[in-house]
C-alpha atoms as a PDB file:
ATOM      1  CA  MET A   1     -54.718 159.837   8.772  1.00  0.00           C
ATOM      2  CA  ARG A   2     -53.954 158.078   5.491  1.00  0.00           C
ATOM      3  CA  ILE A   3     -52.797 154.465   5.723  1.00  0.00           C
ATOM      4  CA  GLY A   4     -51.531 152.604   2.670  1.00  0.00           C
ATOM      5  CA  LEU A   5     -51.651 148.824   2.314  1.00  0.00           C
ATOM      6  CA  ILE A   6     -49.096 147.339  -0.095  1.00  0.00           C
ATOM      7  CA  THR A   7     -50.812 144.061  -0.896  1.00  0.00           C
ATOM      8  CA  SER A   8     -52.544 142.129  -3.643  1.00  0.00           C
ATOM      9  CA  GLU A   9     -54.843 140.551  -1.029  1.00  0.00           C
ATOM     10  CA  PRO A  10     -56.686 143.326   0.829  1.00  0.00           C
ATOM     11  CA  GLY A  11     -59.279 140.727   1.853  1.00  0.00           C
ATOM     12  CA  HIS A  12     -56.724 138.867   3.969  1.00  0.00           C
ATOM     13  CA  PRO A  13     -58.343 138.470   7.422  1.00  0.00           C
ATOM     14  CA  LEU A  14     -55.708 140.474   9.294  1.00  0.00           C
ATOM     15  CA  LEU A  15     -55.767 143.325   6.783  1.00  0.00           C
ATOM     16  CA  SER A  16     -59.527 143.421   6.289  1.00  0.00           C
ATOM     17  CA  LEU A  17     -60.200 143.476  10.024  1.00  0.00           C
ATOM     18  CA  THR A  18     -57.545 146.153  10.529  1.00  0.00           C
ATOM     19  CA  THR A  19     -59.075 148.210   7.712  1.00  0.00           C
ATOM     20  CA  ALA A  20     -62.503 147.930   9.326  1.00  0.00           C
ATOM     21  CA  LEU A  21     -61.077 149.318  12.561  1.00  0.00           C
ATOM     22  CA  LEU A  22     -59.365 152.221  10.796  1.00  0.00           C
ATOM     23  CA  ALA A  23     -61.893 153.107   8.104  1.00  0.00           C
ATOM     24  CA  PRO A  24     -64.462 155.015  10.189  1.00  0.00           C
ATOM     25  CA  ASP A  25     -61.977 157.768  11.014  1.00  0.00           C
ATOM     26  CA  HIS A  26     -59.077 157.288   8.588  1.00  0.00           C
ATOM     27  CA  HIS A  27     -58.536 156.805   4.862  1.00  0.00           C
ATOM     28  CA  VAL A  28     -57.112 153.432   3.822  1.00  0.00           C
ATOM     29  CA  ASP A  29     -55.562 153.063   0.342  1.00  0.00           C
ATOM     30  CA  VAL A  30     -54.649 149.727  -1.257  1.00  0.00           C
ATOM     31  CA  LEU A  31     -51.587 149.648  -3.513  1.00  0.00           C
ATOM     32  CA  ASP A  32     -51.545 146.427  -5.534  1.00  0.00           C
ATOM     33  CA  PRO A  33     -47.911 145.727  -6.509  1.00  0.00           C
ATOM     34  CA  ARG A  34     -49.070 143.514  -9.399  1.00  0.00           C
ATOM     35  CA  THR A  35     -50.344 146.590 -11.250  1.00  0.00           C
ATOM     36  CA  PRO A  36     -48.117 149.403 -10.004  1.00  0.00           C
ATOM     37  CA  LEU A  37     -49.401 152.897 -10.633  1.00  0.00           C
ATOM     38  CA  PRO A  38     -47.601 156.185 -10.074  1.00  0.00           C
ATOM     39  CA  VAL A  39     -47.832 156.959  -6.378  1.00  0.00           C
ATOM     40  CA  SER A  40     -49.746 160.183  -6.136  1.00  0.00           C
ATOM     41  CA  GLU A  41     -49.227 162.981  -3.647  1.00  0.00           C
ATOM     42  CA  PRO A  42     -49.869 163.416  -0.849  1.00  0.00           C
ATOM     43  CA  LEU A  43     -48.260 160.236   0.366  1.00  0.00           C
ATOM     44  CA  ALA A  44     -49.942 158.219   3.068  1.00  0.00           C
ATOM     45  CA  ASP A  45     -48.797 158.822   6.625  1.00  0.00           C
ATOM     46  CA  VAL A  46     -47.716 155.192   6.883  1.00  0.00           C
ATOM     47  CA  TYR A  47     -47.591 152.145   4.578  1.00  0.00           C
ATOM     48  CA  LEU A  48     -47.931 148.518   5.656  1.00  0.00           C
ATOM     49  CA  LEU A  49     -45.786 146.263   3.458  1.00  0.00           C
ATOM     50  CA  LYS A  50     -47.690 142.973   3.500  1.00  0.00           C
ATOM     51  CA  ALA A  51     -46.567 141.720   0.056  1.00  0.00           C
ATOM     52  CA  ARG A  52     -43.039 140.392  -0.452  1.00  0.00           C
ATOM     53  CA  THR A  53     -42.771 140.133  -4.233  1.00  0.00           C
ATOM     54  CA  PRO A  54     -40.010 141.944  -6.147  1.00  0.00           C
ATOM     55  CA  HIS A  55     -42.553 144.507  -7.361  1.00  0.00           C
ATOM     56  CA  ALA A  56     -43.759 145.111  -3.809  1.00  0.00           C
ATOM     57  CA  LEU A  57     -40.216 145.594  -2.519  1.00  0.00           C
ATOM     58  CA  ALA A  58     -39.409 147.971  -5.380  1.00  0.00           C
ATOM     59  CA  LEU A  59     -42.530 150.004  -4.611  1.00  0.00           C
ATOM     60  CA  ALA A  60     -41.621 150.149  -0.924  1.00  0.00           C
ATOM     61  CA  ARG A  61     -38.116 151.392  -1.762  1.00  0.00           C
ATOM     62  CA  VAL A  62     -39.533 154.157  -3.942  1.00  0.00           C
ATOM     63  CA  LEU A  63     -41.801 155.236  -1.099  1.00  0.00           C
ATOM     64  CA  GLU A  64     -38.913 155.184   1.387  1.00  0.00           C
ATOM     65  CA  GLN A  65     -36.858 157.365  -0.960  1.00  0.00           C
ATOM     66  CA  ARG A  66     -39.761 159.828  -0.884  1.00  0.00           C
ATOM     67  CA  ARG A  67     -39.621 160.003   2.945  1.00  0.00           C
ATOM     68  CA  ALA A  68     -42.556 157.652   3.502  1.00  0.00           C
ATOM     69  CA  CYS A  69     -42.813 155.479   6.597  1.00  0.00           C
ATOM     70  CA  VAL A  70     -42.982 151.808   5.571  1.00  0.00           C
ATOM     71  CA  ILE A  71     -43.641 148.932   7.987  1.00  0.00           C
ATOM     72  CA  ASN A  72     -41.593 146.740   7.631  1.00  0.00           C
ATOM     73  CA  SER A  73     -38.853 148.384   5.584  1.00  0.00           C
ATOM     74  CA  ALA A  74     -38.018 146.945   2.180  1.00  0.00           C
ATOM     75  CA  THR A  75     -34.519 146.056   3.371  1.00  0.00           C
ATOM     76  CA  ALA A  76     -35.729 144.194   6.460  1.00  0.00           C
ATOM     77  CA  THR A  77     -38.370 142.359   4.436  1.00  0.00           C
ATOM     78  CA  ALA A  78     -35.891 141.288   1.759  1.00  0.00           C
ATOM     79  CA  LEU A  79     -33.439 140.028   4.364  1.00  0.00           C
ATOM     80  CA  CYS A  80     -36.034 137.627   5.769  1.00  0.00           C
ATOM     81  CA  GLN A  81     -36.491 136.094   2.319  1.00  0.00           C
ATOM     82  CA  ASP A  82     -32.840 135.011   2.081  1.00  0.00           C
ATOM     83  CA  ARG A  83     -32.256 132.181   4.538  1.00  0.00           C
ATOM     84  CA  THR A  84     -28.482 132.388   4.129  1.00  0.00           C
ATOM     85  CA  SER A  85     -28.342 136.042   5.173  1.00  0.00           C
ATOM     86  CA  MET A  86     -30.995 135.468   7.819  1.00  0.00           C
ATOM     87  CA  ALA A  87     -28.939 132.758   9.493  1.00  0.00           C
ATOM     88  CA  ALA A  88     -25.705 134.739   9.243  1.00  0.00           C
ATOM     89  CA  LEU A  89     -27.238 137.790  10.899  1.00  0.00           C
ATOM     90  CA  ALA A  90     -29.008 135.784  13.606  1.00  0.00           C
ATOM     91  CA  LEU A  91     -25.902 133.820  14.510  1.00  0.00           C
ATOM     92  CA  SER A  92     -23.713 136.930  14.492  1.00  0.00           C
ATOM     93  CA  ALA A  93     -26.124 138.435  17.029  1.00  0.00           C
ATOM     94  CA  ASP A  94     -25.867 135.302  19.232  1.00  0.00           C
ATOM     95  CA  LEU A  95     -29.477 134.338  18.642  1.00  0.00           C
ATOM     96  CA  PRO A  96     -30.151 130.580  19.075  1.00  0.00           C
ATOM     97  CA  PHE A  97     -30.591 130.013  15.333  1.00  0.00           C
ATOM     98  CA  ALA A  98     -30.056 126.700  13.570  1.00  0.00           C
ATOM     99  CA  ALA A  99     -26.583 126.386  12.034  1.00  0.00           C
ATOM    100  CA  THR A 100     -27.048 126.767   8.293  1.00  0.00           C
ATOM    101  CA  ARG A 101     -25.021 125.730   5.250  1.00  0.00           C
ATOM    102  CA  THR A 102     -25.773 126.978   1.748  1.00  0.00           C
ATOM    103  CA  PHE A 103     -25.514 125.100  -1.552  1.00  0.00           C
ATOM    104  CA  THR A 104     -25.814 126.654  -4.981  1.00  0.00           C
ATOM    105  CA  THR A 105     -28.234 123.952  -6.148  1.00  0.00           C
ATOM    106  CA  LEU A 106     -29.919 120.834  -4.831  1.00  0.00           C
ATOM    107  CA  ALA A 107     -28.157 118.846  -7.543  1.00  0.00           C
ATOM    108  CA  ARG A 108     -24.800 120.041  -6.181  1.00  0.00           C
ATOM    109  CA  LEU A 109     -25.797 119.007  -2.663  1.00  0.00           C
ATOM    110  CA  ALA A 110     -26.916 115.549  -3.803  1.00  0.00           C
ATOM    111  CA  SER A 111     -23.715 114.955  -5.785  1.00  0.00           C
ATOM    112  CA  GLY A 112     -21.427 115.854  -2.889  1.00  0.00           C
ATOM    113  CA  PRO A 113     -20.450 114.051   0.312  1.00  0.00           C
ATOM    114  CA  ALA A 114     -23.253 112.251   2.128  1.00  0.00           C
ATOM    115  CA  LEU A 115     -24.973 114.148   4.906  1.00  0.00           C
ATOM    116  CA  SER A 116     -23.803 113.116   8.357  1.00  0.00           C
ATOM    117  CA  GLY A 117     -27.328 112.444   9.610  1.00  0.00           C
ATOM    118  CA  PRO A 118     -30.953 113.555   9.259  1.00  0.00           C
ATOM    119  CA  ALA A 119     -31.132 117.081   7.892  1.00  0.00           C
ATOM    120  CA  VAL A 120     -33.666 119.700   6.912  1.00  0.00           C
ATOM    121  CA  VAL A 121     -33.305 121.036   3.373  1.00  0.00           C
ATOM    122  CA  LYS A 122     -34.967 124.347   2.542  1.00  0.00           C
ATOM    123  CA  SER A 123     -35.031 126.679  -0.433  1.00  0.00           C
ATOM    124  CA  ARG A 124     -32.554 129.449   0.125  1.00  0.00           C
ATOM    125  CA  HIS A 125     -35.156 131.997  -0.934  1.00  0.00           C
ATOM    126  CA  SER A 126     -38.294 131.882   1.185  1.00  0.00           C
ATOM    127  CA  ARG A 127     -41.531 132.073  -0.815  1.00  0.00           C
ATOM    128  CA  ARG A 128     -44.832 130.289  -1.255  1.00  0.00           C
ATOM    129  CA  HIS A 129     -44.489 126.623  -2.181  1.00  0.00           C
ATOM    130  CA  ASP A 130     -40.750 126.579  -1.588  1.00  0.00           C
ATOM    131  CA  VAL A 131     -38.807 123.429  -0.701  1.00  0.00           C
ATOM    132  CA  VAL A 132     -38.861 122.395   2.963  1.00  0.00           C
ATOM    133  CA  ALA A 133     -38.105 118.731   3.558  1.00  0.00           C
ATOM    134  CA  ARG A 134     -36.526 116.410   6.079  1.00  0.00           C
ATOM    135  CA  VAL A 135     -33.925 114.198   4.426  1.00  0.00           C
ATOM    136  CA  ASP A 136     -33.009 110.921   6.131  1.00  0.00           C
ATOM    137  CA  SER A 137     -31.134 109.025   3.435  1.00  0.00           C
ATOM    138  CA  PRO A 138     -29.064 109.503   0.261  1.00  0.00           C
ATOM    139  CA  SER A 139     -31.899 108.083  -1.825  1.00  0.00           C
ATOM    140  CA  HIS A 140     -34.356 110.570  -0.384  1.00  0.00           C
ATOM    141  CA  LEU A 141     -31.954 113.407  -1.176  1.00  0.00           C
ATOM    142  CA  ARG A 142     -31.497 112.162  -4.746  1.00  0.00           C
ATOM    143  CA  ASP A 143     -35.277 112.063  -5.228  1.00  0.00           C
ATOM    144  CA  LEU A 144     -35.591 115.612  -3.901  1.00  0.00           C
ATOM    145  CA  ALA A 145     -32.775 116.801  -6.169  1.00  0.00           C
ATOM    146  CA  ALA A 146     -34.360 115.126  -9.189  1.00  0.00           C
ATOM    147  CA  ALA A 147     -37.538 117.110  -8.568  1.00  0.00           C
ATOM    148  CA  HIS A 148     -35.764 120.454  -7.957  1.00  0.00           C
ATOM    149  CA  PRO A 149     -32.249 120.148  -9.448  1.00  0.00           C
ATOM    150  CA  ASP A 150     -31.542 123.876  -9.860  1.00  0.00           C
ATOM    151  CA  GLU A 151     -33.034 125.075  -6.576  1.00  0.00           C
ATOM    152  CA  PRO A 152     -30.554 126.971  -4.342  1.00  0.00           C
ATOM    153  CA  VAL A 153     -30.893 125.484  -0.869  1.00  0.00           C
ATOM    154  CA  VAL A 154     -29.766 125.701   2.724  1.00  0.00           C
ATOM    155  CA  VAL A 155     -29.181 122.697   4.966  1.00  0.00           C
ATOM    156  CA  GLN A 156     -29.696 122.488   8.716  1.00  0.00           C
ATOM    157  CA  ASP A 157     -29.001 119.438  10.839  1.00  0.00           C
ATOM    158  CA  PHE A 158     -32.251 117.981  12.120  1.00  0.00           C
ATOM    159  CA  ALA A 159     -32.652 118.937  15.777  1.00  0.00           C
ATOM    160  CA  PRO A 160     -34.540 116.411  17.922  1.00  0.00           C
ATOM    161  CA  ASN A 161     -37.661 118.056  19.334  1.00  0.00           C
ATOM    162  CA  ASP A 162     -41.197 117.317  20.477  1.00  0.00           C
ATOM    163  CA  GLY A 163     -42.655 117.618  16.965  1.00  0.00           C
ATOM    164  CA  TRP A 164     -44.329 120.990  17.541  1.00  0.00           C
ATOM    165  CA  ASP A 165     -43.543 124.389  16.059  1.00  0.00           C
ATOM    166  CA  TYR A 166     -44.043 127.307  18.390  1.00  0.00           C
ATOM    167  CA  LYS A 167     -45.418 130.129  16.258  1.00  0.00           C
ATOM    168  CA  LEU A 168     -44.650 133.475  17.868  1.00  0.00           C
ATOM    169  CA  TRP A 169     -45.780 136.745  16.327  1.00  0.00           C
ATOM    170  CA  ALA A 170     -45.024 140.354  17.170  1.00  0.00           C
ATOM    171  CA  ILE A 171     -46.905 143.513  16.223  1.00  0.00           C
ATOM    172  CA  GLY A 172     -44.916 146.332  17.739  1.00  0.00           C
ATOM    173  CA  ASP A 173     -44.640 145.493  21.420  1.00  0.00           C
ATOM    174  CA  ARG A 174     -47.585 143.056  21.388  1.00  0.00           C
ATOM    175  CA  LEU A 175     -46.856 139.331  21.229  1.00  0.00           C
ATOM    176  CA  PHE A 176     -49.105 136.456  20.159  1.00  0.00           C
ATOM    177  CA  ALA A 177     -48.430 132.721  20.242  1.00  0.00           C
ATOM    178  CA  GLY A 178     -49.671 129.484  18.738  1.00  0.00           C
ATOM    179  CA  LEU A 179     -48.681 125.839  18.587  1.00  0.00           C
ATOM    180  CA  ARG A 180     -48.756 123.765  15.415  1.00  0.00           C
ATOM    181  CA  ARG A 181     -47.467 120.406  14.318  1.00  0.00           C
ATOM    182  CA  SER A 182     -44.217 120.739  12.419  1.00  0.00           C
ATOM    183  CA  GLU A 183     -44.576 120.778   8.637  1.00  0.00           C
ATOM    184  CA  LEU A 184     -42.008 117.960   8.718  1.00  0.00           C
ATOM    185  CA  SER A 185     -44.327 115.807  10.829  1.00  0.00           C
ATOM    186  CA  PRO A 186     -45.701 112.677   9.093  1.00  0.00           C
ATOM    187  CA  GLU A 187     -49.150 113.650  10.373  1.00  0.00           C
ATOM    188  CA  GLY A 188     -48.985 116.997   8.596  1.00  0.00           C
ATOM    189  CA  ARG A 189     -49.321 120.446  10.083  1.00  0.00           C
ATOM    190  CA  GLY A 190     -52.925 120.458  11.216  1.00  0.00           C
ATOM    191  CA  PRO A 191     -54.530 123.525  12.787  1.00  0.00           C
ATOM    192  CA  THR A 192     -52.736 126.097  14.890  1.00  0.00           C
ATOM    193  CA  ARG A 193     -53.656 125.958  18.562  1.00  0.00           C
ATOM    194  CA  ALA A 194     -53.900 129.120  20.592  1.00  0.00           C
ATOM    195  CA  LEU A 195     -51.190 129.418  23.218  1.00  0.00           C
ATOM    196  CA  ARG A 196     -51.048 131.792  26.152  1.00  0.00           C
ATOM    197  CA  LEU A 197     -47.860 133.774  26.555  1.00  0.00           C
ATOM    198  CA  ASP A 198     -47.744 132.616  30.173  1.00  0.00           C
ATOM    199  CA  ASP A 199     -47.406 129.048  28.886  1.00  0.00           C
ATOM    200  CA  LEU A 200     -44.186 129.798  26.990  1.00  0.00           C
ATOM    201  CA  PRO A 201     -40.861 128.737  28.515  1.00  0.00           C
ATOM    202  CA  PRO A 202     -39.081 131.481  30.454  1.00  0.00           C
ATOM    203  CA  GLY A 203     -37.169 133.919  28.289  1.00  0.00           C
ATOM    204  CA  TRP A 204     -38.960 133.189  25.039  1.00  0.00           C
ATOM    205  CA  PRO A 205     -40.949 136.479  24.851  1.00  0.00           C
ATOM    206  CA  ALA A 206     -37.747 138.460  25.429  1.00  0.00           C
ATOM    207  CA  LEU A 207     -36.071 136.397  22.690  1.00  0.00           C
ATOM    208  CA  VAL A 208     -38.811 137.333  20.212  1.00  0.00           C
ATOM    209  CA  HIS A 209     -38.394 141.029  21.018  1.00  0.00           C
ATOM    210  CA  ARG A 210     -34.642 140.628  20.540  1.00  0.00           C
ATOM    211  CA  VAL A 211     -35.232 139.198  17.059  1.00  0.00           C
ATOM    212  CA  GLY A 212     -37.226 142.314  16.176  1.00  0.00           C
ATOM    213  CA  GLU A 213     -34.388 144.544  17.349  1.00  0.00           C
ATOM    214  CA  VAL A 214     -31.713 142.625  15.435  1.00  0.00           C
ATOM    215  CA  PHE A 215     -33.706 142.441  12.193  1.00  0.00           C
ATOM    216  CA  SER A 216     -35.307 145.914  12.472  1.00  0.00           C
ATOM    217  CA  LEU A 217     -38.789 144.413  12.180  1.00  0.00           C
ATOM    218  CA  ASP A 218     -42.073 145.753  13.534  1.00  0.00           C
ATOM    219  CA  VAL A 219     -44.480 143.042  12.359  1.00  0.00           C
ATOM    220  CA  TYR A 220     -42.931 139.596  12.197  1.00  0.00           C
ATOM    221  CA  GLY A 221     -43.086 135.932  13.092  1.00  0.00           C
ATOM    222  CA  VAL A 222     -40.523 133.699  14.751  1.00  0.00           C
ATOM    223  CA  ASP A 223     -40.727 129.898  14.458  1.00  0.00           C
ATOM    224  CA  ILE A 224     -39.121 128.126  17.403  1.00  0.00           C
ATOM    225  CA  ILE A 225     -38.733 124.485  18.364  1.00  0.00           C
ATOM    226  CA  ASP A 226     -38.109 123.270  21.898  1.00  0.00           C
ATOM    227  CA  ARG A 227     -34.920 121.218  22.034  1.00  0.00           C
ATOM    228  CA  GLY A 228     -35.810 120.064  25.522  1.00  0.00           C
ATOM    229  CA  HIS A 229     -36.412 121.712  28.890  1.00  0.00           C
ATOM    230  CA  GLY A 230     -37.386 124.972  27.203  1.00  0.00           C
ATOM    231  CA  ALA A 231     -34.155 125.385  25.205  1.00  0.00           C
ATOM    232  CA  PRO A 232     -35.217 127.364  22.098  1.00  0.00           C
ATOM    233  CA  LEU A 233     -33.953 126.899  18.566  1.00  0.00           C
ATOM    234  CA  ILE A 234     -35.097 129.452  15.990  1.00  0.00           C
ATOM    235  CA  VAL A 235     -35.741 127.820  12.622  1.00  0.00           C
ATOM    236  CA  ASP A 236     -37.340 130.680  10.684  1.00  0.00           C
ATOM    237  CA  ILE A 237     -38.134 134.405  10.822  1.00  0.00           C
ATOM    238  CA  ASN A 238     -40.878 135.941   8.692  1.00  0.00           C
ATOM    239  CA  ALA A 239     -41.625 139.557   7.852  1.00  0.00           C
ATOM    240  CA  PHE A 240     -45.325 140.488   8.153  1.00  0.00           C
ATOM    241  CA  PRO A 241     -46.877 137.007   8.397  1.00  0.00           C
ATOM    242  CA  GLY A 242     -50.625 136.396   8.287  1.00  0.00           C
ATOM    243  CA  ILE A 243     -51.202 136.108  12.074  1.00  0.00           C
ATOM    244  CA  ARG A 244     -54.590 134.557  11.424  1.00  0.00           C
ATOM    245  CA  GLY A 245     -57.075 133.922  14.189  1.00  0.00           C
ATOM    246  CA  GLN A 246     -55.155 135.727  16.928  1.00  0.00           C
ATOM    247  CA  SER A 247     -57.490 137.723  19.130  1.00  0.00           C
ATOM    248  CA  GLY A 248     -56.319 141.312  19.374  1.00  0.00           C
ATOM    249  CA  ALA A 249     -53.983 141.195  16.366  1.00  0.00           C
ATOM    250  CA  PRO A 250     -56.026 143.558  14.130  1.00  0.00           C
ATOM    251  CA  GLU A 251     -56.346 146.005  17.015  1.00  0.00           C
ATOM    252  CA  ALA A 252     -52.585 145.854  17.603  1.00  0.00           C
ATOM    253  CA  LEU A 253     -51.839 146.448  13.908  1.00  0.00           C
ATOM    254  CA  ALA A 254     -54.251 149.384  13.716  1.00  0.00           C
ATOM    255  CA  ALA A 255     -52.689 150.902  16.834  1.00  0.00           C
ATOM    256  CA  LEU A 256     -49.165 150.433  15.447  1.00  0.00           C
ATOM    257  CA  ALA A 257     -50.099 152.050  12.132  1.00  0.00           C
ATOM    258  CA  LEU A 258     -51.638 155.069  13.846  1.00  0.00           C
ATOM    259  CA  SER A 259     -48.720 155.363  16.251  1.00  0.00           C
ATOM    260  CA  ARG A 260     -46.230 155.541  13.382  1.00  0.00           C
ATOM    261  CA  ALA A 261     -48.502 157.771  11.327  1.00  0.00           C
ATOM    262  CA  ASN A 262     -48.613 160.197  14.254  1.00  0.00           C
ATOM    263  CA  GLY A 263     -44.818 160.225  14.400  1.00  0.00           C
ATOM    264  CA  ALA A 264     -44.512 158.219  17.604  1.00  0.00           C
ATOM    265  CA  ASP A 265     -41.468 156.016  18.149  1.00  0.00           C
ATOM    266  CA  THR A 266     -39.505 158.081  15.641  1.00  0.00           C
ATOM    267  CA  ASP A 267     -36.317 156.412  16.753  1.00  0.00           C
ATOM    268  CA  ARG A 268     -37.414 153.210  15.039  1.00  0.00           C
ATOM    269  CA  LEU A 269     -35.500 152.596  11.794  1.00  0.00           C
ATOM    270  CA  ALA A 270     -38.573 151.858   9.682  1.00  0.00           C
ATOM    271  CA  CYS A 271     -39.851 155.448   9.704  1.00  0.00           C
ATOM    272  CA  ARG A 272     -36.843 157.694   9.284  1.00  0.00           C
ATOM    273  CA  GLY A 273     -36.829 160.252   6.542  1.00  0.00           C
ATOM    274  CA  ALA A 274     -35.247 160.219   3.104  1.00  0.00           C
ATOM    275  CA  GLY A 275     -31.907 161.254   4.555  1.00  0.00           C
ATOM    276  CA  ASP A 276     -31.712 157.806   6.103  1.00  0.00           C
ATOM    277  CA  ALA A 277     -33.471 155.845   3.354  1.00  0.00           C
ATOM    278  CA  GLY A 278     -31.186 153.054   2.204  1.00  0.00           C
ATOM    279  CA  ARG A 279     -28.709 153.819   4.997  1.00  0.00           C
ATOM    280  CA  SER A 280     -30.585 152.500   8.025  1.00  0.00           C
ATOM    281  CA  GLY A 281     -29.154 150.394  10.784  1.00  0.00           C
ATOM    282  CA  GLN A 282     -30.652 147.436   8.939  1.00  0.00           C
ATOM    283  CA  ASP A 283     -28.290 148.110   6.010  1.00  0.00           C
ATOM    284  CA  ARG A 284     -25.389 148.015   8.456  1.00  0.00           C
ATOM    285  CA  LEU A 285     -26.627 144.674   9.752  1.00  0.00           C
ATOM    286  CA  VAL A 286     -27.018 143.282   6.238  1.00  0.00           C
ATOM    287  CA  ARG A 287     -23.361 143.997   5.579  1.00  0.00           C
ATOM    288  CA  ARG A 288     -22.611 141.684   8.504  1.00  0.00           C
ATOM    289  CA  ALA A 289     -24.606 138.941   6.729  1.00  0.00           C
ATOM    290  CA  PRO A 290     -22.841 138.454   3.362  1.00  0.00           C
ATOM    291  CA  GLU A 291     -24.265 136.549   0.433  1.00  0.00           C
ATOM    292  CA  SER A 292     -21.717 133.837   0.957  1.00  0.00           C
ATOM    293  CA  GLY A 293     -19.200 133.019   3.645  1.00  0.00           C
ATOM    294  CA  PRO A 294     -17.771 130.215   5.731  1.00  0.00           C
ATOM    295  CA  ALA A 295     -21.144 128.467   5.857  1.00  0.00           C
ATOM    296  CA  THR A 296     -21.604 128.518   2.065  1.00  0.00           C
ATOM    297  CA  GLU A 297     -20.682 125.538  -0.081  1.00  0.00           C
ATOM    298  CA  PRO A 298     -19.565 125.913  -3.701  1.00  0.00           C
END
């Protein structure tokens, strides 16, 4: 089998360990989206879309148009980078996602009516080094806006919780879990602690699988906080996260890649042929999550 990795970081622990598992019997190609080259024939049997840059998404779309199987699809990956559309889709599917309002810029947010209480302000477009901050006062908001005046943002009311983020990851049907201090915690994030699935509140594993179904994702992360007594609140969804240090994750990714390369699970949206490229069920879901709507401020 031929497996393609769309990434500029093939040495990432998850990818390098997965490659080591595959390499003895299969050919693994690395496609660096920073220096795109013409994709030669024959295409790989499956591509793993680890990068999320515009060039990486464009490359993935070209491959999908040529009947390639891409995990996750370009459409599903792009959706998870837009927190406005992410929230709209999650809420329309009755997932317990934080209510989200969108503002065109941080300056516009700071110049408008005062927030009703503590809030979490995030960049609308998820990326490395984006804005994620708890805002407790008008002066704090003004300082944040002064530093990032033109940043499009979303606002979520701060939900009281125990100060921990539950990091849940899925690779196909396999789930992994960790516990980490919230990035909003004064003590900082700190290391991620391993967490057994049996230690999760009832219903949480099923909720993670439901997220994958709604967002048409195969490899993804779901960040959840516990609002009390095991009541989950989803605060973020990530396409193809790092999943570092999780025992069994490279094996699960290698197995998923080979399963899709062999044509298994052909009902999954990510690996349909060119006749469905650009017209998957994910596209239908995206149309239910418009760029702007009732939760969007001017």
